Protein backbone atom coordinates (compact mmCIF):
# COMPACT_ATOMS: atom_id res chain seq x y z
CA PHE A 1 -0.28 -0.10 -0.20
CA THR A 2 3.04 2.58 0.96
CA LEU A 3 4.34 2.01 -2.47
CA LEU A 4 1.01 2.19 -4.22
CA VAL A 5 0.75 5.54 -2.33
CA ALA A 6 4.46 6.82 -3.00
CA VAL A 7 4.38 6.42 -6.65
CA VAL A 8 1.01 7.73 -7.08
CA LEU A 9 2.46 11.33 -5.35
CA SER A 10 5.67 10.62 -7.51
CA ALA A 11 3.74 12.19 -10.47
CA GLN A 12 5.90 15.38 -11.47
CA ALA A 13 7.68 15.20 -8.17
CA THR A 14 11.37 14.53 -6.94
CA ASP A 15 12.33 11.30 -5.45
CA ALA A 16 13.84 13.16 -2.50
CA GLY A 17 10.85 15.50 -2.23
CA VAL A 18 8.36 12.23 -2.11
CA ASN A 19 10.62 10.09 -0.12
CA LYS A 20 10.73 12.79 2.58
CA ALA A 21 7.03 13.46 2.75
CA THR A 22 5.97 10.02 2.79
CA LYS A 23 8.03 9.25 5.66
CA ALA A 24 6.08 11.28 7.53
CA LEU A 25 2.91 10.56 6.07
CA PHE A 26 3.38 6.29 6.47
CA ALA A 27 3.99 7.46 10.02
CA ALA A 28 0.85 8.48 10.64
CA ALA A 29 -0.82 6.20 8.72
CA ASP A 30 0.71 2.90 6.49
CA THR A 31 -2.96 1.11 5.62
CA PRO A 32 -5.94 1.99 3.78
CA ALA A 33 -8.01 2.94 6.49
CA ARG A 34 -5.96 4.49 8.28
CA MET A 35 -5.15 6.74 5.83
CA LEU A 36 -8.85 6.98 5.54
CA ALA A 37 -9.13 8.12 8.89
CA LEU A 38 -6.57 10.50 8.24
CA GLY A 39 -8.44 12.71 5.95
CA GLU A 40 -7.65 14.44 3.19
CA ALA A 41 -6.91 17.88 4.94
CA LYS A 42 -4.07 15.70 6.94
CA VAL A 43 -3.11 13.87 4.24
CA GLY A 44 -2.89 17.32 2.27
CA ASP A 45 -0.76 18.90 5.72
CA TYR A 46 2.04 15.87 4.80
CA ILE A 47 2.25 16.35 1.38
CA ARG A 48 2.14 20.43 0.23
CA THR A 49 5.63 20.04 -0.37
CA ILE A 50 5.01 18.22 -3.79
CA GLY A 51 3.63 19.20 -6.49
CA LEU A 52 -0.09 19.06 -7.40
CA TRP A 53 -0.47 18.30 -3.65
CA ARG A 54 -4.29 19.18 -3.43
CA ASN A 55 -5.10 16.74 -6.55
CA LYS A 56 -2.75 14.02 -5.14
CA ALA A 57 -4.34 13.69 -1.40
CA LYS A 58 -7.60 13.55 -2.83
CA ASN A 59 -6.64 10.33 -5.17
CA VAL A 60 -5.07 9.40 -2.13
CA ILE A 61 -8.17 9.22 0.09
CA ALA A 62 -10.23 7.88 -2.76
CA LEU A 63 -8.13 5.08 -3.81
CA SER A 64 -7.47 4.16 -0.07
CA GLN A 65 -11.51 3.72 -0.01
CA ALA A 66 -11.72 2.02 -3.07
CA LEU A 67 -9.43 -0.56 -1.56
CA ILE A 68 -11.41 -0.91 1.47
CA GLU A 69 -14.70 -1.05 -0.30
CA ASP A 70 -13.84 -3.72 -3.56
CA TYR A 71 -10.41 -5.73 -2.60
CA ALA A 72 -10.91 -5.65 1.22
CA GLY A 73 -7.96 -3.57 2.06
CA GLN A 74 -5.65 -5.41 -0.22
CA VAL A 75 -3.57 -3.84 -3.31
CA PRO A 76 -4.81 -5.65 -6.71
CA GLN A 77 -1.91 -8.25 -8.13
CA ASP A 78 -3.75 -7.43 -11.74
CA ARG A 79 -2.69 -4.30 -13.76
CA ASP A 80 -7.00 -4.02 -15.08
CA GLU A 81 -7.88 -3.55 -11.41
CA LEU A 82 -5.02 -1.17 -10.15
CA VAL A 83 -5.82 1.14 -13.05
CA LYS A 84 -9.58 1.81 -12.01
CA LEU A 85 -8.19 3.43 -8.65
CA PRO A 86 -8.04 7.09 -8.60
CA GLY A 87 -4.83 8.47 -9.46
CA VAL A 88 -3.36 5.12 -11.00
CA GLY A 89 -2.21 4.99 -14.73
CA ARG A 90 -0.37 2.14 -16.58
CA LYS A 91 3.09 3.48 -15.59
CA THR A 92 2.10 3.79 -11.70
CA ALA A 93 0.33 0.09 -11.87
CA ASN A 94 3.72 -1.48 -13.62
CA VAL A 95 5.66 -0.05 -10.93
CA VAL A 96 3.84 -1.36 -8.17
CA LEU A 97 3.18 -4.51 -9.63
CA ASN A 98 6.89 -4.91 -10.58
CA VAL A 99 8.47 -3.73 -7.77
CA ALA A 100 5.57 -5.14 -5.16
CA PHE A 101 4.87 -8.46 -6.79
CA GLY A 102 7.62 -9.26 -8.95
CA GLN A 103 6.05 -9.38 -12.01
CA HIS A 104 7.74 -8.53 -15.45
CA THR A 105 6.57 -5.54 -16.01
CA MET A 106 8.01 -1.69 -17.40
CA ALA A 107 6.93 1.51 -16.39
CA VAL A 108 7.95 3.38 -18.93
CA ASP A 109 9.00 7.43 -17.76
CA THR A 110 10.60 10.47 -19.87
CA HIS A 111 13.45 8.62 -19.26
CA ILE A 112 12.98 5.14 -20.55
CA PHE A 113 10.96 6.68 -23.27
CA ARG A 114 13.77 8.71 -24.59
CA ILE A 115 16.30 6.04 -24.36
CA GLY A 116 14.52 3.07 -26.05
CA ASN A 117 14.19 5.71 -28.76
CA ARG A 118 17.29 7.14 -28.89
CA ILE A 119 19.67 4.03 -29.23
CA GLY A 120 16.82 1.91 -31.31
CA LEU A 121 16.33 -0.47 -28.53
CA ALA A 122 12.49 -0.26 -28.85
CA PRO A 123 10.73 2.34 -30.65
CA GLY A 124 7.67 4.14 -30.34
CA LYS A 125 5.69 6.86 -30.82
CA THR A 126 3.70 5.95 -26.87
CA PRO A 127 4.77 4.63 -23.98
CA GLU A 128 2.99 1.80 -24.38
CA GLN A 129 4.65 0.67 -27.58
CA VAL A 130 7.84 1.38 -26.17
CA GLU A 131 7.30 -0.87 -23.27
CA GLN A 132 6.10 -3.76 -25.59
CA GLY A 133 8.87 -3.21 -27.35
CA LEU A 134 11.54 -3.63 -24.31
CA LEU A 135 8.85 -6.32 -23.20
CA LYS A 136 10.23 -8.26 -26.15
CA VAL A 137 14.09 -7.56 -25.93
CA ILE A 138 14.75 -7.84 -22.15
CA PRO A 139 15.71 -11.49 -20.97
CA ALA A 140 13.23 -12.42 -18.58
CA GLU A 141 16.21 -13.00 -15.65
CA PHE A 142 16.69 -9.25 -16.14
CA MET A 143 13.20 -7.84 -15.71
CA ARG A 144 12.53 -7.03 -12.68
CA HIS A 145 15.52 -4.33 -12.40
CA ALA A 146 15.50 -3.23 -16.22
CA HIS A 147 13.02 -0.41 -14.97
CA HIS A 148 15.81 1.42 -12.62
CA TRP A 149 18.81 0.15 -14.84
CA LEU A 150 17.40 2.34 -17.68
CA ILE A 151 15.95 5.15 -15.57
CA LEU A 152 19.40 5.59 -13.85
CA HIS A 153 20.98 5.44 -17.47
CA GLY A 154 18.70 7.69 -18.61
CA ARG A 155 19.15 10.23 -15.42
CA TYR A 156 22.94 10.83 -15.46
CA VAL A 157 24.54 9.06 -18.80
CA CYS A 158 21.48 9.66 -21.56
CA LYS A 159 20.64 12.76 -20.90
CA ALA A 160 17.73 14.65 -22.54
CA ARG A 161 20.09 17.82 -23.13
CA LYS A 162 23.74 16.58 -23.21
CA PRO A 163 24.32 12.74 -23.50
CA ASP A 164 27.42 11.78 -22.24
CA CYS A 165 28.50 9.21 -24.91
CA PRO A 166 31.90 8.51 -23.70
CA ALA A 167 30.85 7.58 -20.80
CA CYS A 168 28.05 5.28 -22.26
CA VAL A 169 28.65 1.34 -21.55
CA ILE A 170 26.49 0.89 -24.76
CA ALA A 171 27.87 3.15 -27.04
CA ASP A 172 28.98 1.05 -29.18
CA ILE A 173 25.46 -0.57 -30.22
CA CYS A 174 23.70 3.14 -29.82
CA LYS A 175 22.11 3.79 -32.95
CA SER A 176 21.29 7.18 -32.14
CA LYS A 177 21.76 10.44 -34.36
CA GLU A 178 22.60 12.67 -31.60
CA LYS A 179 25.48 10.02 -30.74
CA THR A 180 28.51 12.47 -29.75
CA THR A 181 31.39 10.27 -30.37
CA ASP A 182 32.27 7.74 -32.45
CA ILE A 183 34.11 6.01 -29.14
CA PRO A 184 33.36 2.46 -28.80
CA ALA A 185 32.02 1.24 -25.39
CA PRO A 186 34.65 1.56 -22.59
CA LEU A 187 35.87 -1.91 -21.56
CA VAL A 188 34.14 -2.81 -18.19
CA PRO A 189 36.86 -4.71 -15.68
CA ILE A 190 35.67 -8.24 -15.09
CA ALA A 191 36.45 -9.20 -11.71
CA PRO A 192 38.25 -12.33 -10.96
CA LEU A 193 36.88 -15.40 -10.23
CA ASP A 194 36.09 -16.30 -6.62
CA GLU A 195 38.77 -19.54 -5.96
CA THR A 196 35.69 -21.75 -4.57
CA PHE A 197 33.25 -21.02 -7.51
CA ALA A 198 36.43 -21.54 -10.14
CA ALA A 199 37.81 -24.66 -7.84
CA GLU A 200 33.93 -26.07 -8.13
CA ALA A 201 34.07 -25.28 -12.12
């Protein structure tokens, strides 16, 4: 439940801002029933530093009510059910399904949308097209963490305005016309085998 609320609050907000606000909010209310008892005005007081806080407070109360009335207070493990909740879209549902329930989903934010198109990994005109493309090319064993890896790559390397192509580990396969260098991907040092593992092999 707390993950769902945090992701709903994260739209057009920084992670640091959401983490700061939710620390106090979840100390006061960490279940749908407690959130409902807290009420919209008090929820608003806790999240006032987050963008669009009034609308988000309203959604948090409404989704808490819906969870109690329709799902016995439990967060559903199905995307179609999650997106019925106030303030929950496909991206939020995918984050919850992936992080809380370990499902192979791909939440496409602005970073992932840009990377999918820029490097040619999963081109698409909509976030859902990029999502479907990524689901096809990312091996299952990496799907649980791929969302986070791609976001970090987009934030710190494949940035919107000034991509740091020389620092990119996939520069050699990048198909971007914006690529700033022909330098191949940097060599990543491989750690020596653990002696125990080597002996068993």
